[in-house]
Amino acid sequence: MNNNIVLLSLSTDEFAEIIRNVVNDALKEKKQKELLDFKETCLLLGISSSTLNKLKRENRIPYKKIGKRILFSREEVLKSLKDSNYSKLRAII
């Protein structure tokens, strides 16, 4: 383990730029996690994989296919639940 302490002399602008970059990186990482895989979507909705497959097949829940992967946008999934007539799903939100 490296326990070295490095002290730097930074201007206010340089320090602000470092903070801005760290925050932007964290936001990009969070934004990327807005796409959920099958298992994460099941956990989010509290449903089984067979139920999610059924919803996907019936086009009741939006998804994206990237290569062989099926991904779900958290925002689109939750919006579709609000707009859904499927009572079991509406009870989730």
N, C-alpha and C. Protein backbone atom coordinates (compact mmCIF):
# COMPACT_ATOMS: atom_id res chain seq x y z
N MET A 1 0.85 -1.17 0.00
CA MET A 1 0.00 0.00 0.00
C MET A 1 0.89 1.23 0.00
N ASN A 2 0.51 2.22 -0.78
CA ASN A 2 1.29 3.45 -0.90
C ASN A 2 0.67 4.50 0.02
N ASN A 3 1.40 4.90 1.05
CA ASN A 3 0.90 5.89 2.01
C ASN A 3 1.57 7.24 1.85
N ASN A 4 2.08 7.52 0.66
CA ASN A 4 2.75 8.79 0.44
C ASN A 4 1.74 9.93 0.41
N ILE A 5 2.13 11.03 0.99
CA ILE A 5 1.30 12.24 0.98
C ILE A 5 1.99 13.24 0.07
N VAL A 6 1.23 13.79 -0.86
CA VAL A 6 1.78 14.76 -1.79
C VAL A 6 1.04 16.07 -1.57
N LEU A 7 1.79 17.11 -1.32
CA LEU A 7 1.22 18.43 -1.15
C LEU A 7 1.54 19.26 -2.38
N LEU A 8 0.52 19.89 -2.91
CA LEU A 8 0.69 20.72 -4.10
C LEU A 8 0.25 22.14 -3.81
N SER A 9 0.83 23.03 -4.51
CA SER A 9 0.41 24.43 -4.42
C SER A 9 -0.43 24.72 -5.67
N LEU A 10 -1.73 24.90 -5.47
CA LEU A 10 -2.64 25.13 -6.58
C LEU A 10 -3.33 26.47 -6.43
N SER A 11 -3.58 27.08 -7.57
CA SER A 11 -4.39 28.30 -7.54
C SER A 11 -5.85 27.89 -7.37
N THR A 12 -6.67 28.84 -7.04
CA THR A 12 -8.11 28.58 -6.89
C THR A 12 -8.69 28.04 -8.18
N ASP A 13 -8.28 28.61 -9.31
CA ASP A 13 -8.78 28.16 -10.61
C ASP A 13 -8.34 26.72 -10.92
N GLU A 14 -7.11 26.38 -10.61
CA GLU A 14 -6.62 25.02 -10.84
C GLU A 14 -7.37 24.01 -9.96
N PHE A 15 -7.58 24.39 -8.71
CA PHE A 15 -8.32 23.52 -7.79
C PHE A 15 -9.76 23.34 -8.28
N ALA A 16 -10.39 24.42 -8.71
CA ALA A 16 -11.77 24.35 -9.22
C ALA A 16 -11.84 23.45 -10.45
N GLU A 17 -10.84 23.52 -11.32
CA GLU A 17 -10.81 22.68 -12.52
C GLU A 17 -10.69 21.20 -12.15
N ILE A 18 -9.88 20.89 -11.16
CA ILE A 18 -9.74 19.50 -10.71
C ILE A 18 -11.06 18.99 -10.16
N ILE A 19 -11.70 19.79 -9.34
CA ILE A 19 -13.00 19.40 -8.77
C ILE A 19 -14.04 19.22 -9.88
N ARG A 20 -14.06 20.14 -10.83
CA ARG A 20 -15.00 20.07 -11.95
C ARG A 20 -14.80 18.77 -12.73
N ASN A 21 -13.55 18.39 -12.97
CA ASN A 21 -13.27 17.16 -13.70
C ASN A 21 -13.71 15.91 -12.94
N VAL A 22 -13.47 15.91 -11.64
CA VAL A 22 -13.87 14.77 -10.81
C VAL A 22 -15.40 14.63 -10.81
N VAL A 23 -16.10 15.75 -10.66
CA VAL A 23 -17.56 15.72 -10.65
C VAL A 23 -18.10 15.27 -12.01
N ASN A 24 -17.53 15.78 -13.09
CA ASN A 24 -17.98 15.38 -14.44
C ASN A 24 -17.76 13.90 -14.67
N ASP A 25 -16.63 13.37 -14.24
CA ASP A 25 -16.36 11.94 -14.37
C ASP A 25 -17.38 11.12 -13.58
N ALA A 26 -17.70 11.56 -12.38
CA ALA A 26 -18.68 10.85 -11.54
C ALA A 26 -20.06 10.88 -12.19
N LEU A 27 -20.44 12.01 -12.77
CA LEU A 27 -21.74 12.12 -13.44
C LEU A 27 -21.81 11.24 -14.68
N LYS A 28 -20.72 11.17 -15.43
CA LYS A 28 -20.69 10.29 -16.61
C LYS A 28 -20.86 8.84 -16.20
N GLU A 29 -20.17 8.46 -15.11
CA GLU A 29 -20.27 7.10 -14.61
C GLU A 29 -21.70 6.78 -14.17
N LYS A 30 -22.35 7.73 -13.50
CA LYS A 30 -23.73 7.54 -13.05
C LYS A 30 -24.66 7.44 -14.25
N LYS A 31 -24.44 8.28 -15.25
CA LYS A 31 -25.28 8.28 -16.44
C LYS A 31 -25.18 6.94 -17.16
N GLN A 32 -23.97 6.37 -17.20
CA GLN A 32 -23.80 5.08 -17.85
C GLN A 32 -24.60 4.00 -17.13
N LYS A 33 -24.75 4.12 -15.83
CA LYS A 33 -25.47 3.11 -15.06
C LYS A 33 -26.98 3.26 -15.22
N GLU A 34 -27.40 4.25 -15.97
CA GLU A 34 -28.81 4.39 -16.25
C GLU A 34 -29.31 3.26 -17.15
N LEU A 35 -28.38 2.58 -17.83
CA LEU A 35 -28.75 1.40 -18.61
C LEU A 35 -28.57 0.17 -17.74
N LEU A 36 -29.63 -0.58 -17.58
CA LEU A 36 -29.63 -1.75 -16.71
C LEU A 36 -29.67 -3.02 -17.53
N ASP A 37 -29.01 -4.06 -17.03
CA ASP A 37 -29.12 -5.35 -17.71
C ASP A 37 -30.39 -6.05 -17.22
N PHE A 38 -30.60 -7.26 -17.70
CA PHE A 38 -31.83 -7.99 -17.41
C PHE A 38 -32.02 -8.19 -15.90
N LYS A 39 -30.95 -8.68 -15.26
CA LYS A 39 -31.03 -8.98 -13.82
C LYS A 39 -31.28 -7.72 -13.00
N GLU A 40 -30.59 -6.63 -13.33
CA GLU A 40 -30.76 -5.37 -12.60
C GLU A 40 -32.18 -4.82 -12.77
N THR A 41 -32.74 -4.99 -13.96
CA THR A 41 -34.11 -4.53 -14.20
C THR A 41 -35.10 -5.35 -13.41
N CYS A 42 -34.89 -6.65 -13.35
CA CYS A 42 -35.76 -7.52 -12.53
C CYS A 42 -35.70 -7.09 -11.06
N LEU A 43 -34.50 -6.81 -10.56
CA LEU A 43 -34.35 -6.37 -9.17
C LEU A 43 -35.03 -5.02 -8.94
N LEU A 44 -34.86 -4.10 -9.88
CA LEU A 44 -35.49 -2.78 -9.77
C LEU A 44 -37.00 -2.90 -9.67
N LEU A 45 -37.58 -3.76 -10.50
CA LEU A 45 -39.03 -3.88 -10.56
C LEU A 45 -39.59 -4.91 -9.59
N GLY A 46 -38.72 -5.74 -9.05
CA GLY A 46 -39.19 -6.78 -8.13
C GLY A 46 -40.00 -7.84 -8.84
N ILE A 47 -39.57 -8.19 -10.05
CA ILE A 47 -40.29 -9.20 -10.84
C ILE A 47 -39.31 -10.29 -11.25
N SER A 48 -39.86 -11.42 -11.70
CA SER A 48 -39.03 -12.53 -12.15
C SER A 48 -38.56 -12.29 -13.58
N SER A 49 -37.57 -13.05 -13.99
CA SER A 49 -37.06 -12.91 -15.36
C SER A 49 -38.12 -13.33 -16.39
N SER A 50 -38.96 -14.30 -16.04
CA SER A 50 -40.01 -14.70 -16.98
C SER A 50 -41.05 -13.59 -17.16
N THR A 51 -41.34 -12.85 -16.08
CA THR A 51 -42.27 -11.73 -16.19
C THR A 51 -41.66 -10.62 -17.04
N LEU A 52 -40.38 -10.33 -16.85
CA LEU A 52 -39.73 -9.31 -17.66
C LEU A 52 -39.68 -9.74 -19.11
N ASN A 53 -39.42 -11.01 -19.37
CA ASN A 53 -39.44 -11.52 -20.75
C ASN A 53 -40.81 -11.31 -21.38
N LYS A 54 -41.86 -11.61 -20.62
CA LYS A 54 -43.22 -11.44 -21.12
C LYS A 54 -43.49 -9.97 -21.45
N LEU A 55 -43.11 -9.08 -20.55
CA LEU A 55 -43.32 -7.64 -20.77
C LEU A 55 -42.55 -7.16 -22.00
N LYS A 56 -41.36 -7.67 -22.16
CA LYS A 56 -40.53 -7.30 -23.31
C LYS A 56 -41.16 -7.81 -24.60
N ARG A 57 -41.59 -9.06 -24.60
CA ARG A 57 -42.23 -9.66 -25.77
C ARG A 57 -43.50 -8.91 -26.18
N GLU A 58 -44.27 -8.47 -25.18
CA GLU A 58 -45.53 -7.77 -25.44
C GLU A 58 -45.33 -6.27 -25.69
N ASN A 59 -44.07 -5.84 -25.74
CA ASN A 59 -43.72 -4.42 -25.93
C ASN A 59 -44.35 -3.51 -24.88
N ARG A 60 -44.46 -4.01 -23.67
CA ARG A 60 -44.99 -3.20 -22.56
C ARG A 60 -43.87 -2.45 -21.84
N ILE A 61 -42.64 -2.85 -22.13
CA ILE A 61 -41.50 -2.24 -21.47
C ILE A 61 -40.42 -1.99 -22.53
N PRO A 62 -39.91 -0.75 -22.61
CA PRO A 62 -38.92 -0.45 -23.65
C PRO A 62 -37.56 -1.04 -23.33
N TYR A 63 -36.85 -1.45 -24.37
CA TYR A 63 -35.51 -2.00 -24.20
C TYR A 63 -34.67 -1.67 -25.43
N LYS A 64 -33.38 -1.83 -25.26
CA LYS A 64 -32.43 -1.61 -26.35
C LYS A 64 -31.62 -2.88 -26.51
N LYS A 65 -31.35 -3.24 -27.74
CA LYS A 65 -30.48 -4.39 -28.00
C LYS A 65 -29.17 -3.85 -28.53
N ILE A 66 -28.11 -4.07 -27.79
CA ILE A 66 -26.78 -3.63 -28.18
C ILE A 66 -25.94 -4.88 -28.33
N GLY A 67 -25.67 -5.23 -29.57
CA GLY A 67 -25.02 -6.52 -29.83
C GLY A 67 -25.97 -7.62 -29.42
N LYS A 68 -25.50 -8.50 -28.57
CA LYS A 68 -26.35 -9.58 -28.06
C LYS A 68 -26.99 -9.22 -26.73
N ARG A 69 -26.62 -8.06 -26.18
CA ARG A 69 -27.11 -7.67 -24.85
C ARG A 69 -28.44 -6.93 -24.95
N ILE A 70 -29.33 -7.24 -24.02
CA ILE A 70 -30.60 -6.52 -23.87
C ILE A 70 -30.43 -5.58 -22.69
N LEU A 71 -30.63 -4.29 -22.92
CA LEU A 71 -30.48 -3.29 -21.87
C LEU A 71 -31.76 -2.47 -21.75
N PHE A 72 -32.01 -2.01 -20.54
CA PHE A 72 -33.19 -1.24 -20.23
C PHE A 72 -32.77 0.10 -19.65
N SER A 73 -33.37 1.16 -20.13
CA SER A 73 -33.12 2.49 -19.57
C SER A 73 -33.98 2.64 -18.32
N ARG A 74 -33.33 2.92 -17.20
CA ARG A 74 -34.05 3.07 -15.94
C ARG A 74 -35.18 4.10 -16.09
N GLU A 75 -34.86 5.23 -16.68
CA GLU A 75 -35.84 6.31 -16.83
C GLU A 75 -37.02 5.88 -17.71
N GLU A 76 -36.72 5.23 -18.84
CA GLU A 76 -37.79 4.79 -19.74
C GLU A 76 -38.66 3.70 -19.11
N VAL A 77 -38.03 2.80 -18.37
CA VAL A 77 -38.78 1.73 -17.71
C VAL A 77 -39.74 2.32 -16.68
N LEU A 78 -39.24 3.23 -15.85
CA LEU A 78 -40.11 3.81 -14.82
C LEU A 78 -41.21 4.66 -15.45
N LYS A 79 -40.90 5.36 -16.54
CA LYS A 79 -41.93 6.15 -17.23
C LYS A 79 -43.00 5.23 -17.82
N SER A 80 -42.58 4.12 -18.41
CA SER A 80 -43.55 3.20 -19.00
C SER A 80 -44.46 2.60 -17.94
N LEU A 81 -43.94 2.43 -16.71
CA LEU A 81 -44.77 1.91 -15.63
C LEU A 81 -45.84 2.91 -15.24
N LYS A 82 -45.47 4.18 -15.21
CA LYS A 82 -46.44 5.21 -14.86
C LYS A 82 -47.56 5.27 -15.89
N ASP A 83 -47.20 5.07 -17.16
CA ASP A 83 -48.16 5.16 -18.25
C ASP A 83 -48.90 3.84 -18.50
N SER A 84 -48.50 2.79 -17.81
CA SER A 84 -49.01 1.45 -18.08
C SER A 84 -50.42 1.23 -17.52
N ASN A 85 -51.17 0.41 -18.23
CA ASN A 85 -52.47 -0.05 -17.74
C ASN A 85 -52.32 -1.37 -17.00
N TYR A 86 -51.12 -1.90 -16.98
CA TYR A 86 -50.84 -3.18 -16.34
C TYR A 86 -50.77 -2.96 -14.84
N SER A 87 -51.81 -3.30 -14.13
CA SER A 87 -51.97 -2.94 -12.72
C SER A 87 -50.84 -3.45 -11.82
N LYS A 88 -50.32 -4.63 -12.10
CA LYS A 88 -49.24 -5.17 -11.26
C LYS A 88 -48.01 -4.28 -11.34
N LEU A 89 -47.72 -3.74 -12.52
CA LEU A 89 -46.57 -2.88 -12.69
C LEU A 89 -46.83 -1.51 -12.07
N ARG A 90 -48.00 -0.99 -12.22
CA ARG A 90 -48.30 0.32 -11.67
C ARG A 90 -48.19 0.31 -10.15
N ALA A 91 -48.43 -0.85 -9.54
CA ALA A 91 -48.34 -0.97 -8.09
C ALA A 91 -46.89 -0.84 -7.61
N ILE A 92 -45.95 -1.09 -8.48
CA ILE A 92 -44.53 -1.04 -8.11
C ILE A 92 -44.08 0.38 -7.81
N ILE A 93 -44.58 1.33 -8.58
CA ILE A 93 -44.09 2.73 -8.43
C ILE A 93 -44.92 3.52 -7.46
